[in-house]
PDB file of N, CA and C in Angstrom:
ATOM      1  N   UNK A   1      53.461 115.551 174.538  1.00  0.00           N
ATOM      2  CA  UNK A   1      53.461 115.044 173.173  1.00  0.00           C
ATOM      3  C   UNK A   1      52.178 114.252 172.889  1.00  0.00           C
ATOM      4  N   UNK A   2      51.539 114.561 171.836  1.00  0.00           N
ATOM      5  CA  UNK A   2      50.318 113.826 171.428  1.00  0.00           C
ATOM      6  C   UNK A   2      50.639 112.410 170.930  1.00  0.00           C
ATOM      7  N   UNK A   3      49.747 111.515 171.277  1.00  0.00           N
ATOM      8  CA  UNK A   3      49.852 110.180 170.754  1.00  0.00           C
ATOM      9  C   UNK A   3      49.288 110.138 169.397  1.00  0.00           C
ATOM     10  N   UNK A   4      49.528 109.064 168.650  1.00  0.00           N
ATOM     11  CA  UNK A   4      48.964 108.899 167.300  1.00  0.00           C
ATOM     12  C   UNK A   4      47.437 108.967 167.414  1.00  0.00           C
ATOM     13  N   UNK A   5      46.907 108.349 168.451  1.00  0.00           N
ATOM     14  CA  UNK A   5      45.429 108.301 168.555  1.00  0.00           C
ATOM     15  C   UNK A   5      44.907 109.720 168.796  1.00  0.00           C
ATOM     16  N   UNK A   6      45.589 110.544 169.579  1.00  0.00           N
ATOM     17  CA  UNK A   6      45.172 111.915 169.812  1.00  0.00           C
ATOM     18  C   UNK A   6      45.229 112.654 168.467  1.00  0.00           C
ATOM     19  N   UNK A   7      46.224 112.481 167.681  1.00  0.00           N
ATOM     20  CA  UNK A   7      46.332 113.143 166.348  1.00  0.00           C
ATOM     21  C   UNK A   7      45.243 112.784 165.457  1.00  0.00           C
ATOM     22  N   UNK A   8      44.889 111.488 165.434  1.00  0.00           N
ATOM     23  CA  UNK A   8      43.800 111.053 164.519  1.00  0.00           C
ATOM     24  C   UNK A   8      42.457 111.648 165.000  1.00  0.00           C
ATOM     25  N   UNK A   9      42.225 111.617 166.310  1.00  0.00           N
ATOM     26  CA  UNK A   9      41.017 112.211 166.821  1.00  0.00           C
ATOM     27  C   UNK A   9      40.903 113.697 166.453  1.00  0.00           C
ATOM     28  N   UNK A  10      41.985 114.417 166.652  1.00  0.00           N
ATOM     29  CA  UNK A  10      41.973 115.808 166.300  1.00  0.00           C
ATOM     30  C   UNK A  10      41.716 116.029 164.807  1.00  0.00           C
ATOM     31  N   UNK A  11      42.325 115.223 163.997  1.00  0.00           N
ATOM     32  CA  UNK A  11      42.096 115.312 162.557  1.00  0.00           C
ATOM     33  C   UNK A  11      40.596 115.104 162.215  1.00  0.00           C
ATOM     34  N   UNK A  12      40.031 114.042 162.785  1.00  0.00           N
ATOM     35  CA  UNK A  12      38.625 113.713 162.533  1.00  0.00           C
ATOM     36  C   UNK A  12      37.659 114.837 162.949  1.00  0.00           C
ATOM     37  N   UNK A  13      38.025 115.512 164.014  1.00  0.00           N
ATOM     38  CA  UNK A  13      37.166 116.683 164.436  1.00  0.00           C
ATOM     39  C   UNK A  13      37.274 117.849 163.431  1.00  0.00           C
ATOM     40  N   UNK A  14      38.374 118.011 162.757  1.00  0.00           N
ATOM     41  CA  UNK A  14      38.593 119.097 161.820  1.00  0.00           C
ATOM     42  C   UNK A  14      38.005 118.868 160.450  1.00  0.00           C
ATOM     43  N   UNK A  15      37.915 117.558 160.108  1.00  0.00           N
ATOM     44  CA  UNK A  15      37.395 117.231 158.718  1.00  0.00           C
ATOM     45  C   UNK A  15      35.912 117.420 158.683  1.00  0.00           C
ATOM     46  N   UNK A  16      35.362 117.697 157.509  1.00  0.00           N
ATOM     47  CA  UNK A  16      33.924 117.771 157.364  1.00  0.00           C
ATOM     48  C   UNK A  16      33.270 116.415 157.512  1.00  0.00           C
ATOM     49  N   UNK A  17      31.998 116.405 157.895  1.00  0.00           N
ATOM     50  CA  UNK A  17      31.260 115.194 158.081  1.00  0.00           C
ATOM     51  C   UNK A  17      31.133 114.326 156.782  1.00  0.00           C
ATOM     52  N   UNK A  18      31.216 114.955 155.688  1.00  0.00           N
ATOM     53  CA  UNK A  18      31.002 114.235 154.391  1.00  0.00           C
ATOM     54  C   UNK A  18      32.330 113.783 153.782  1.00  0.00           C
ATOM     55  N   UNK A  19      33.444 113.782 154.554  1.00  0.00           N
ATOM     56  CA  UNK A  19      34.714 113.397 153.958  1.00  0.00           C
ATOM     57  C   UNK A  19      34.707 111.878 153.743  1.00  0.00           C
ATOM     58  N   UNK A  20      35.563 111.440 152.817  1.00  0.00           N
ATOM     59  CA  UNK A  20      35.650 110.040 152.501  1.00  0.00           C
ATOM     60  C   UNK A  20      36.831 109.400 153.249  1.00  0.00           C
ATOM     61  N   UNK A  21      36.878 108.080 153.178  1.00  0.00           N
ATOM     62  CA  UNK A  21      38.014 107.329 153.759  1.00  0.00           C
ATOM     63  C   UNK A  21      39.299 107.798 153.088  1.00  0.00           C
ATOM     64  N   UNK A  22      39.240 108.007 151.751  1.00  0.00           N
ATOM     65  CA  UNK A  22      40.417 108.455 151.032  1.00  0.00           C
ATOM     66  C   UNK A  22      40.900 109.819 151.513  1.00  0.00           C
ATOM     67  N   UNK A  23      39.943 110.704 151.870  1.00  0.00           N
ATOM     68  CA  UNK A  23      40.304 112.031 152.399  1.00  0.00           C
ATOM     69  C   UNK A  23      41.079 111.860 153.704  1.00  0.00           C
ATOM     70  N   UNK A  24      40.597 110.976 154.542  1.00  0.00           N
ATOM     71  CA  UNK A  24      41.260 110.756 155.843  1.00  0.00           C
ATOM     72  C   UNK A  24      42.645 110.176 155.657  1.00  0.00           C
ATOM     73  N   UNK A  25      42.729 109.179 154.744  1.00  0.00           N
ATOM     74  CA  UNK A  25      44.044 108.582 154.467  1.00  0.00           C
ATOM     75  C   UNK A  25      45.030 109.617 153.945  1.00  0.00           C
ATOM     76  N   UNK A  26      44.535 110.519 153.063  1.00  0.00           N
ATOM     77  CA  UNK A  26      45.406 111.533 152.474  1.00  0.00           C
ATOM     78  C   UNK A  26      45.970 112.450 153.618  1.00  0.00           C
ATOM     79  N   UNK A  27      45.036 112.870 154.499  1.00  0.00           N
ATOM     80  CA  UNK A  27      45.465 113.791 155.547  1.00  0.00           C
ATOM     81  C   UNK A  27      46.423 113.135 156.512  1.00  0.00           C
ATOM     82  N   UNK A  28      46.183 111.863 156.813  1.00  0.00           N
ATOM     83  CA  UNK A  28      47.130 111.103 157.685  1.00  0.00           C
ATOM     84  C   UNK A  28      48.471 111.041 157.010  1.00  0.00           C
ATOM     85  N   UNK A  29      48.496 110.783 155.743  1.00  0.00           N
ATOM     86  CA  UNK A  29      49.752 110.693 154.998  1.00  0.00           C
ATOM     87  C   UNK A  29      50.495 111.989 155.083  1.00  0.00           C
ATOM     88  N   UNK A  30      49.811 113.127 154.840  1.00  0.00           N
ATOM     89  CA  UNK A  30      50.449 114.393 154.905  1.00  0.00           C
ATOM     90  C   UNK A  30      50.985 114.692 156.276  1.00  0.00           C
ATOM     91  N   UNK A  31      50.180 114.427 157.336  1.00  0.00           N
ATOM     92  CA  UNK A  31      50.656 114.645 158.699  1.00  0.00           C
ATOM     93  C   UNK A  31      51.875 113.828 158.973  1.00  0.00           C
ATOM     94  N   UNK A  32      51.950 112.574 158.522  1.00  0.00           N
ATOM     95  CA  UNK A  32      53.104 111.720 158.758  1.00  0.00           C
ATOM     96  C   UNK A  32      54.322 112.308 158.021  1.00  0.00           C
ATOM     97  N   UNK A  33      54.134 112.688 156.848  1.00  0.00           N
ATOM     98  CA  UNK A  33      55.301 113.263 156.057  1.00  0.00           C
ATOM     99  C   UNK A  33      55.820 114.559 156.724  1.00  0.00           C
ATOM    100  N   UNK A  34      54.923 115.395 157.227  1.00  0.00           N
ATOM    101  CA  UNK A  34      55.359 116.619 157.920  1.00  0.00           C
ATOM    102  C   UNK A  34      56.140 116.291 159.162  1.00  0.00           C
ATOM    103  N   UNK A  35      55.609 115.311 159.952  1.00  0.00           N
ATOM    104  CA  UNK A  35      56.262 114.949 161.199  1.00  0.00           C
ATOM    105  C   UNK A  35      57.637 114.378 160.906  1.00  0.00           C
ATOM    106  N   UNK A  36      57.755 113.546 159.869  1.00  0.00           N
ATOM    107  CA  UNK A  36      59.045 112.936 159.540  1.00  0.00           C
ATOM    108  C   UNK A  36      60.064 114.044 159.116  1.00  0.00           C
ATOM    109  N   UNK A  37      59.551 115.020 158.363  1.00  0.00           N
ATOM    110  CA  UNK A  37      60.407 116.157 157.939  1.00  0.00           C
ATOM    111  C   UNK A  37      60.859 116.956 159.080  1.00  0.00           C
ATOM    112  N   UNK A  38      60.015 117.220 160.054  1.00  0.00           N
ATOM    113  CA  UNK A  38      60.389 117.999 161.232  1.00  0.00           C
ATOM    114  C   UNK A  38      61.426 117.223 162.105  1.00  0.00           C
ATOM    115  N   UNK A  39      61.222 115.950 162.206  1.00  0.00           N
ATOM    116  CA  UNK A  39      62.202 115.126 162.979  1.00  0.00           C
ATOM    117  C   UNK A  39      63.583 115.139 162.277  1.00  0.00           C
ATOM    118  N   UNK A  40      63.544 115.025 160.939  1.00  0.00           N
ATOM    119  CA  UNK A  40      64.754 115.023 160.176  1.00  0.00           C
ATOM    120  C   UNK A  40      65.475 116.380 160.304  1.00  0.00           C
ATOM    121  N   UNK A  41      64.712 117.460 160.211  1.00  0.00           N
ATOM    122  CA  UNK A  41      65.342 118.767 160.349  1.00  0.00           C
ATOM    123  C   UNK A  41      65.957 118.971 161.702  1.00  0.00           C
ATOM    124  N   UNK A  42      65.269 118.430 162.739  1.00  0.00           N
ATOM    125  CA  UNK A  42      65.798 118.528 164.112  1.00  0.00           C
ATOM    126  C   UNK A  42      67.057 117.684 164.274  1.00  0.00           C
ATOM    127  N   UNK A  43      67.139 116.561 163.675  1.00  0.00           N
ATOM    128  CA  UNK A  43      68.302 115.709 163.855  1.00  0.00           C
ATOM    129  C   UNK A  43      69.464 116.049 162.837  1.00  0.00           C
ATOM    130  N   UNK A  44      69.161 116.404 161.657  1.00  0.00           N
ATOM    131  CA  UNK A  44      70.157 116.578 160.649  1.00  0.00           C
ATOM    132  C   UNK A  44      70.459 118.097 160.380  1.00  0.00           C
ATOM    133  N   UNK A  45      69.593 118.918 160.844  1.00  0.00           N
ATOM    134  CA  UNK A  45      69.732 120.355 160.591  1.00  0.00           C
ATOM    135  C   UNK A  45      68.929 120.813 159.395  1.00  0.00           C
ATOM    136  N   UNK A  46      68.831 122.075 159.250  1.00  0.00           N
ATOM    137  CA  UNK A  46      68.046 122.657 158.152  1.00  0.00           C
ATOM    138  C   UNK A  46      68.979 123.253 157.113  1.00  0.00           C
ATOM    139  N   UNK A  47      68.444 123.493 155.934  1.00  0.00           N
ATOM    140  CA  UNK A  47      69.193 124.109 154.837  1.00  0.00           C
ATOM    141  C   UNK A  47      68.822 125.621 154.872  1.00  0.00           C
ATOM    142  N   UNK A  48      69.791 126.480 154.938  1.00  0.00           N
ATOM    143  CA  UNK A  48      69.484 127.959 154.885  1.00  0.00           C
ATOM    144  C   UNK A  48      68.721 128.350 153.625  1.00  0.00           C
ATOM    145  N   UNK A  49      67.883 129.366 153.769  1.00  0.00           N
ATOM    146  CA  UNK A  49      67.037 129.759 152.658  1.00  0.00           C
ATOM    147  C   UNK A  49      67.907 130.168 151.397  1.00  0.00           C
ATOM    148  N   UNK A  50      68.985 130.854 151.623  1.00  0.00           N
ATOM    149  CA  UNK A  50      69.811 131.295 150.532  1.00  0.00           C
ATOM    150  C   UNK A  50      70.382 130.082 149.771  1.00  0.00           C
ATOM    151  N   UNK A  51      70.759 129.030 150.494  1.00  0.00           N
ATOM    152  CA  UNK A  51      71.265 127.849 149.852  1.00  0.00           C
ATOM    153  C   UNK A  51      70.214 127.202 148.972  1.00  0.00           C
ATOM    154  N   UNK A  52      68.957 127.129 149.522  1.00  0.00           N
ATOM    155  CA  UNK A  52      67.856 126.534 148.782  1.00  0.00           C
ATOM    156  C   UNK A  52      67.612 127.361 147.481  1.00  0.00           C
ATOM    157  N   UNK A  53      67.605 128.666 147.588  1.00  0.00           N
ATOM    158  CA  UNK A  53      67.421 129.495 146.374  1.00  0.00           C
ATOM    159  C   UNK A  53      68.490 129.247 145.374  1.00  0.00           C
ATOM    160  N   UNK A  54      69.728 129.125 145.825  1.00  0.00           N
ATOM    161  CA  UNK A  54      70.855 128.886 144.936  1.00  0.00           C
ATOM    162  C   UNK A  54      70.698 127.516 144.235  1.00  0.00           C
ATOM    163  N   UNK A  55      70.335 126.504 144.970  1.00  0.00           N
ATOM    164  CA  UNK A  55      70.143 125.181 144.410  1.00  0.00           C
ATOM    165  C   UNK A  55      68.963 125.163 143.376  1.00  0.00           C
ATOM    166  N   UNK A  56      67.874 125.847 143.767  1.00  0.00           N
ATOM    167  CA  UNK A  56      66.739 125.848 142.880  1.00  0.00           C
ATOM    168  C   UNK A  56      66.933 126.691 141.590  1.00  0.00           C
ATOM    169  N   UNK A  57      67.789 127.682 141.693  1.00  0.00           N
ATOM    170  CA  UNK A  57      68.025 128.536 140.565  1.00  0.00           C
ATOM    171  C   UNK A  57      68.620 127.747 139.398  1.00  0.00           C
ATOM    172  N   UNK A  58      69.254 126.592 139.641  1.00  0.00           N
ATOM    173  CA  UNK A  58      69.819 125.798 138.601  1.00  0.00           C
ATOM    174  C   UNK A  58      68.686 125.093 137.782  1.00  0.00           C
ATOM    175  N   UNK A  59      67.510 124.960 138.464  1.00  0.00           N
ATOM    176  CA  UNK A  59      66.432 124.271 137.835  1.00  0.00           C
ATOM    177  C   UNK A  59      65.401 125.156 137.136  1.00  0.00           C
ATOM    178  N   UNK A  60      65.400 126.418 137.602  1.00  0.00           N
ATOM    179  CA  UNK A  60      64.410 127.367 137.130  1.00  0.00           C
ATOM    180  C   UNK A  60      64.955 128.073 135.863  1.00  0.00           C
ATOM    181  N   UNK A  61      64.123 128.040 134.830  1.00  0.00           N
ATOM    182  CA  UNK A  61      64.515 128.740 133.558  1.00  0.00           C
ATOM    183  C   UNK A  61      63.441 129.807 133.324  1.00  0.00           C
ATOM    184  N   UNK A  62      63.916 130.928 132.816  1.00  0.00           N
ATOM    185  CA  UNK A  62      63.036 132.057 132.535  1.00  0.00           C
ATOM    186  C   UNK A  62      62.303 131.967 131.217  1.00  0.00           C
TER     187      UNK A  62
END
């Protein structure tokens, strides 16, 4: 498992040299949200695709 420091170093290697501090903060935010979502899915389970479609169909209007 990668440490937080490893993840940040990996991110910095992937970003262009001219990125801003805000760019770095944004990418760190997105990585953290994805990691939290994956942990939650592992602990609470996932919602089947068909259920998601059914729930979203109530919000979608043609």
